[in-house]
Every structure is written in C-alpha cells, then in structure tokens.
N, C-alpha and C. Protein backbone atom coordinates (compact mmCIF):
# COMPACT_ATOMS: atom_id res chain seq x y z
N UNK A 1 0.85 -1.17 0.00
CA UNK A 1 0.00 0.00 0.00
C UNK A 1 0.90 1.24 0.00
N UNK A 2 0.65 2.14 -0.93
CA UNK A 2 1.44 3.34 -1.01
C UNK A 2 0.62 4.58 -0.74
N UNK A 3 1.28 5.69 -0.83
CA UNK A 3 0.60 6.97 -0.64
C UNK A 3 -0.23 7.28 -1.87
N UNK A 4 -1.29 8.08 -1.70
CA UNK A 4 -2.13 8.41 -2.86
C UNK A 4 -1.39 9.31 -3.84
N UNK A 5 -1.80 9.21 -5.08
CA UNK A 5 -1.24 10.06 -6.12
C UNK A 5 -2.29 11.11 -6.46
N UNK A 6 -1.90 12.36 -6.30
CA UNK A 6 -2.82 13.46 -6.62
C UNK A 6 -2.66 13.81 -8.10
N UNK A 7 -3.77 14.07 -8.74
CA UNK A 7 -3.71 14.50 -10.13
C UNK A 7 -4.81 15.51 -10.39
N UNK A 8 -4.65 16.29 -11.43
CA UNK A 8 -5.56 17.40 -11.73
C UNK A 8 -6.99 16.98 -12.03
N UNK A 9 -7.17 15.76 -12.52
CA UNK A 9 -8.53 15.36 -12.90
C UNK A 9 -9.23 14.50 -11.84
N UNK A 10 -8.82 14.65 -10.57
CA UNK A 10 -9.51 13.92 -9.49
C UNK A 10 -10.92 14.45 -9.35
N UNK A 11 -11.87 13.56 -9.17
CA UNK A 11 -13.25 13.99 -9.04
C UNK A 11 -13.47 14.59 -7.64
N UNK A 12 -14.52 15.37 -7.53
CA UNK A 12 -14.82 16.05 -6.27
C UNK A 12 -15.09 15.05 -5.14
N UNK A 13 -15.72 13.93 -5.48
CA UNK A 13 -16.01 12.90 -4.48
C UNK A 13 -14.72 12.34 -3.88
N UNK A 14 -13.71 12.08 -4.72
CA UNK A 14 -12.43 11.58 -4.22
C UNK A 14 -11.75 12.62 -3.34
N UNK A 15 -11.81 13.87 -3.74
CA UNK A 15 -11.20 14.94 -2.94
C UNK A 15 -11.92 15.08 -1.60
N UNK A 16 -13.25 14.98 -1.60
CA UNK A 16 -14.01 15.06 -0.35
C UNK A 16 -13.66 13.90 0.57
N UNK A 17 -13.51 12.71 -0.01
CA UNK A 17 -13.15 11.53 0.77
C UNK A 17 -11.76 11.70 1.39
N UNK A 18 -10.85 12.25 0.63
CA UNK A 18 -9.49 12.49 1.14
C UNK A 18 -9.51 13.54 2.25
N UNK A 19 -10.32 14.58 2.07
CA UNK A 19 -10.42 15.63 3.10
C UNK A 19 -11.00 15.06 4.38
N UNK A 20 -12.00 14.22 4.28
CA UNK A 20 -12.59 13.59 5.47
C UNK A 20 -11.57 12.68 6.16
N UNK A 21 -10.80 11.96 5.39
CA UNK A 21 -9.75 11.12 5.96
C UNK A 21 -8.69 11.96 6.65
N UNK A 22 -8.38 13.12 6.08
CA UNK A 22 -7.39 14.01 6.69
C UNK A 22 -7.87 14.52 8.04
N UNK A 23 -9.16 14.80 8.16
CA UNK A 23 -9.74 15.23 9.44
C UNK A 23 -9.61 14.11 10.46
N UNK A 24 -9.96 12.89 10.07
CA UNK A 24 -9.85 11.75 10.99
C UNK A 24 -8.40 11.54 11.42
N UNK A 25 -7.48 11.60 10.48
CA UNK A 25 -6.06 11.40 10.81
C UNK A 25 -5.56 12.51 11.73
N UNK A 26 -5.98 13.73 11.47
CA UNK A 26 -5.57 14.86 12.31
C UNK A 26 -6.07 14.68 13.74
N UNK A 27 -7.31 14.28 13.91
CA UNK A 27 -7.86 14.05 15.24
C UNK A 27 -7.13 12.92 15.95
N UNK A 28 -6.82 11.87 15.23
CA UNK A 28 -6.07 10.74 15.78
C UNK A 28 -4.70 11.20 16.26
N UNK A 29 -4.00 11.95 15.41
CA UNK A 29 -2.65 12.41 15.76
C UNK A 29 -2.67 13.39 16.93
N UNK A 30 -3.70 14.23 17.00
CA UNK A 30 -3.83 15.14 18.14
C UNK A 30 -4.04 14.35 19.43
N UNK A 31 -4.81 13.28 19.34
CA UNK A 31 -5.09 12.47 20.53
C UNK A 31 -3.84 11.80 21.08
N UNK A 32 -2.90 11.45 20.22
CA UNK A 32 -1.69 10.78 20.70
C UNK A 32 -0.52 11.75 20.87
N UNK A 33 -0.76 13.04 20.69
CA UNK A 33 0.34 14.02 20.72
C UNK A 33 0.68 14.50 22.13
N UNK A 34 0.46 13.68 23.12
CA UNK A 34 0.79 14.00 24.50
C UNK A 34 1.59 12.82 25.06
N UNK A 35 2.69 13.10 25.74
CA UNK A 35 3.55 12.01 26.21
C UNK A 35 2.82 11.06 27.16
N UNK A 36 1.92 11.58 27.97
CA UNK A 36 1.15 10.71 28.87
C UNK A 36 0.25 9.76 28.11
N UNK A 37 -0.41 10.27 27.08
CA UNK A 37 -1.28 9.41 26.28
C UNK A 37 -0.47 8.39 25.49
N UNK A 38 0.70 8.81 24.99
CA UNK A 38 1.58 7.86 24.29
C UNK A 38 2.01 6.74 25.22
N UNK A 39 2.37 7.10 26.45
CA UNK A 39 2.80 6.08 27.41
C UNK A 39 1.65 5.13 27.76
N UNK A 40 0.45 5.66 27.91
CA UNK A 40 -0.71 4.80 28.18
C UNK A 40 -0.90 3.82 27.03
N UNK A 41 -0.88 4.32 25.81
CA UNK A 41 -1.04 3.43 24.65
C UNK A 41 0.07 2.40 24.59
N UNK A 42 1.28 2.82 24.91
CA UNK A 42 2.41 1.88 24.92
C UNK A 42 2.15 0.75 25.91
N UNK A 43 1.71 1.08 27.11
CA UNK A 43 1.42 0.06 28.12
C UNK A 43 0.25 -0.83 27.70
N UNK A 44 -0.74 -0.25 27.05
CA UNK A 44 -1.91 -1.04 26.65
C UNK A 44 -1.62 -1.97 25.48
N UNK A 45 -0.53 -1.75 24.76
CA UNK A 45 -0.18 -2.68 23.67
C UNK A 45 0.16 -4.06 24.22
N UNK A 46 0.52 -4.12 25.51
CA UNK A 46 0.85 -5.42 26.11
C UNK A 46 -0.37 -6.08 26.74
N UNK A 47 -1.52 -5.39 26.69
CA UNK A 47 -2.74 -5.97 27.22
C UNK A 47 -3.51 -5.02 28.11
N UNK A 48 -4.68 -5.47 28.49
CA UNK A 48 -5.59 -4.68 29.31
C UNK A 48 -4.94 -4.31 30.65
N UNK A 49 -5.20 -3.07 31.10
CA UNK A 49 -4.68 -2.59 32.37
C UNK A 49 -5.78 -1.85 33.12
N UNK A 50 -5.75 -1.93 34.44
CA UNK A 50 -6.68 -1.15 35.25
C UNK A 50 -6.12 0.27 35.38
N UNK A 51 -6.98 1.18 35.79
CA UNK A 51 -6.53 2.56 36.02
C UNK A 51 -5.43 2.56 37.07
N UNK A 52 -5.60 1.78 38.12
CA UNK A 52 -4.59 1.71 39.18
C UNK A 52 -3.26 1.20 38.65
N UNK A 53 -3.29 0.17 37.81
CA UNK A 53 -2.05 -0.34 37.21
C UNK A 53 -1.37 0.74 36.38
N UNK A 54 -2.16 1.48 35.60
CA UNK A 54 -1.59 2.55 34.78
C UNK A 54 -0.99 3.64 35.65
N UNK A 55 -1.66 3.98 36.75
CA UNK A 55 -1.12 4.98 37.68
C UNK A 55 0.27 4.56 38.15
N UNK A 56 0.38 3.29 38.55
CA UNK A 56 1.66 2.78 39.05
C UNK A 56 2.72 2.74 37.96
N UNK A 57 2.35 2.27 36.78
CA UNK A 57 3.30 2.18 35.67
C UNK A 57 3.82 3.55 35.24
N UNK A 58 2.94 4.55 35.31
CA UNK A 58 3.29 5.90 34.87
C UNK A 58 3.80 6.79 35.99
N UNK A 59 3.70 6.30 37.22
CA UNK A 59 4.03 7.13 38.40
C UNK A 59 3.26 8.45 38.33
N UNK A 60 1.97 8.33 38.09
CA UNK A 60 1.12 9.51 37.92
C UNK A 60 -0.08 9.43 38.84
N UNK A 61 -0.65 10.59 39.10
CA UNK A 61 -1.85 10.66 39.93
C UNK A 61 -3.05 10.12 39.16
N UNK A 62 -4.03 9.63 39.91
CA UNK A 62 -5.24 9.06 39.31
C UNK A 62 -5.95 10.08 38.44
N UNK A 63 -6.02 11.33 38.88
CA UNK A 63 -6.73 12.36 38.11
C UNK A 63 -6.07 12.59 36.75
N UNK A 64 -4.74 12.58 36.73
CA UNK A 64 -4.02 12.80 35.46
C UNK A 64 -4.23 11.63 34.51
N UNK A 65 -4.14 10.41 35.04
CA UNK A 65 -4.34 9.21 34.21
C UNK A 65 -5.76 9.18 33.68
N UNK A 66 -6.72 9.46 34.54
CA UNK A 66 -8.13 9.44 34.12
C UNK A 66 -8.41 10.49 33.04
N UNK A 67 -7.79 11.66 33.17
CA UNK A 67 -7.97 12.71 32.17
C UNK A 67 -7.44 12.25 30.81
N UNK A 68 -6.27 11.63 30.79
CA UNK A 68 -5.69 11.17 29.53
C UNK A 68 -6.50 10.00 28.95
N UNK A 69 -6.96 9.11 29.81
CA UNK A 69 -7.80 8.00 29.34
C UNK A 69 -9.11 8.51 28.76
N UNK A 70 -9.65 9.56 29.37
CA UNK A 70 -10.89 10.15 28.87
C UNK A 70 -10.71 10.66 27.45
N UNK A 71 -9.59 11.31 27.19
CA UNK A 71 -9.31 11.82 25.83
C UNK A 71 -9.16 10.66 24.84
N UNK A 72 -8.42 9.64 25.25
CA UNK A 72 -8.22 8.48 24.37
C UNK A 72 -9.54 7.77 24.11
N UNK A 73 -10.38 7.72 25.12
CA UNK A 73 -11.70 7.10 24.97
C UNK A 73 -12.58 7.92 24.04
N UNK A 74 -12.56 9.23 24.20
CA UNK A 74 -13.34 10.13 23.35
C UNK A 74 -12.97 9.96 21.88
N UNK A 75 -11.71 9.74 21.62
CA UNK A 75 -11.24 9.57 20.25
C UNK A 75 -11.39 8.13 19.75
N UNK A 76 -11.91 7.25 20.59
CA UNK A 76 -12.15 5.87 20.17
C UNK A 76 -10.91 5.01 20.12
N UNK A 77 -9.87 5.38 20.88
CA UNK A 77 -8.62 4.62 20.84
C UNK A 77 -8.55 3.56 21.93
N UNK A 78 -9.28 3.76 23.02
CA UNK A 78 -9.31 2.77 24.10
C UNK A 78 -10.76 2.45 24.45
N UNK A 79 -10.93 1.29 25.05
CA UNK A 79 -12.25 0.82 25.46
C UNK A 79 -12.21 0.45 26.94
N UNK A 80 -13.18 0.95 27.73
CA UNK A 80 -13.22 0.59 29.14
C UNK A 80 -14.04 -0.67 29.37
N UNK A 81 -13.72 -1.34 30.47
CA UNK A 81 -14.50 -2.49 30.92
C UNK A 81 -14.53 -2.42 32.44
N UNK A 82 -15.73 -2.46 33.00
CA UNK A 82 -15.88 -2.38 34.45
C UNK A 82 -16.02 -3.78 35.03
N UNK A 83 -15.27 -4.01 36.12
CA UNK A 83 -15.38 -5.25 36.88
C UNK A 83 -15.50 -4.83 38.34
N UNK A 84 -16.74 -4.76 38.84
CA UNK A 84 -16.98 -4.24 40.18
C UNK A 84 -16.65 -2.76 40.22
N UNK A 85 -15.74 -2.38 41.10
CA UNK A 85 -15.33 -0.97 41.20
C UNK A 85 -14.13 -0.65 40.33
N UNK A 86 -13.55 -1.67 39.74
CA UNK A 86 -12.33 -1.48 38.94
C UNK A 86 -12.68 -1.30 37.47
N UNK A 87 -12.04 -0.31 36.85
CA UNK A 87 -12.21 -0.09 35.41
C UNK A 87 -10.91 -0.48 34.72
N UNK A 88 -11.05 -1.32 33.71
CA UNK A 88 -9.91 -1.77 32.92
C UNK A 88 -10.01 -1.12 31.55
N UNK A 89 -8.86 -0.84 30.96
CA UNK A 89 -8.81 -0.26 29.62
C UNK A 89 -7.99 -1.15 28.71
N UNK A 90 -8.41 -1.19 27.45
CA UNK A 90 -7.68 -1.91 26.42
C UNK A 90 -7.75 -1.09 25.13
N UNK A 91 -6.92 -1.45 24.17
CA UNK A 91 -6.95 -0.77 22.88
C UNK A 91 -8.26 -1.10 22.18
N UNK A 92 -8.87 -0.10 21.57
CA UNK A 92 -10.17 -0.29 20.92
C UNK A 92 -10.06 -1.09 19.63
N UNK A 93 -8.95 -0.94 18.94
CA UNK A 93 -8.73 -1.66 17.69
C UNK A 93 -7.23 -1.70 17.44
N UNK A 94 -6.82 -2.05 16.24
CA UNK A 94 -5.40 -2.25 15.93
C UNK A 94 -4.67 -0.95 15.55
N UNK A 95 -5.41 0.14 15.31
CA UNK A 95 -4.75 1.39 14.89
C UNK A 95 -3.71 1.89 15.90
N UNK A 96 -4.05 1.98 17.19
CA UNK A 96 -3.04 2.46 18.14
C UNK A 96 -1.80 1.57 18.20
N UNK A 97 -2.01 0.25 18.11
CA UNK A 97 -0.87 -0.67 18.13
C UNK A 97 0.05 -0.41 16.93
N UNK A 98 -0.54 -0.24 15.76
CA UNK A 98 0.27 0.00 14.56
C UNK A 98 1.06 1.29 14.69
N UNK A 99 0.42 2.34 15.19
CA UNK A 99 1.11 3.62 15.37
C UNK A 99 2.22 3.48 16.41
N UNK A 100 1.94 2.78 17.50
CA UNK A 100 2.96 2.61 18.54
C UNK A 100 4.15 1.82 18.01
N UNK A 101 3.93 0.87 17.13
CA UNK A 101 5.03 0.14 16.51
C UNK A 101 5.90 1.06 15.68
N UNK A 102 5.28 1.95 14.91
CA UNK A 102 6.03 2.91 14.10
C UNK A 102 6.79 3.87 14.99
N UNK A 103 6.13 4.41 16.01
CA UNK A 103 6.78 5.33 16.95
C UNK A 103 7.97 4.64 17.62
N UNK A 104 7.76 3.41 18.04
CA UNK A 104 8.84 2.65 18.67
C UNK A 104 10.02 2.49 17.72
N UNK A 105 9.72 2.09 16.48
CA UNK A 105 10.80 1.90 15.49
C UNK A 105 11.55 3.20 15.22
N UNK A 106 10.82 4.32 15.16
CA UNK A 106 11.45 5.59 14.83
C UNK A 106 12.20 6.24 16.01
N UNK A 107 11.69 6.07 17.22
CA UNK A 107 12.21 6.84 18.35
C UNK A 107 12.80 6.02 19.48
N UNK A 108 12.49 4.75 19.56
CA UNK A 108 12.91 3.97 20.73
C UNK A 108 13.94 2.89 20.44
N UNK A 109 13.99 2.44 19.21
CA UNK A 109 14.95 1.41 18.83
C UNK A 109 16.35 1.99 18.88
N UNK A 110 17.26 1.22 19.40
CA UNK A 110 18.66 1.65 19.38
C UNK A 110 19.28 1.21 18.06
N UNK A 111 20.03 2.11 17.46
CA UNK A 111 20.65 1.81 16.16
C UNK A 111 21.79 0.86 16.27
C-alpha cells in the first residue's frame, strides 16, 4: 500500500473523501500528541490494564491518568471495561498498536 497520487482530474467525491480522511487522521494524531497518552497506549499494547495499574506504571496521579484515558476514549482509541469498582482499559482496535510500533521503530529502537 502506497501513498495516494494526486492529479488534476480527481473527481470532487475523491477529494471530499481524502479531506474527510485528513480530518480523521488529524484528530487521531492530536489524541496521541501527549507524552502521557503515548505512554498509556504503549502500556496497553501489552494488554488490558486497570486505572490503578496505569497509575503505578506511569508514576502519575489518578486524576491525570483518568484525564488522559478520557481523551483516548473520546477519540475511540481505548475501550473501558468495568469489573466491580475497577475499570480496565484496552486498545479499541489495531490502529493504536500499529502507530505505537512505528513510533517505537522511529524513536525507541537503538541503532
């Protein structure tokens, strides 16, 4: 799969579809453009975690973790599951995992 090829005779429908995709991509990238949210996604790539587990892994306060999870949830990147009083989060689909793999390859791998 490659990048799209733009040409002068693209129909308006194709351009509208590309513009809509650009909005979705922009919202996705904004949602992950915070180091706390990136770290949450990174931890969730290894499996479901409770809010308490994420607090401990991130050494962060519950309010801060909950705020970042709320944003990720709003953007459809994570899914909550309640078990009694405990809320667990997991990745909503494969998009965050794919992005985290690219981010890892670009910024975390040692050369």
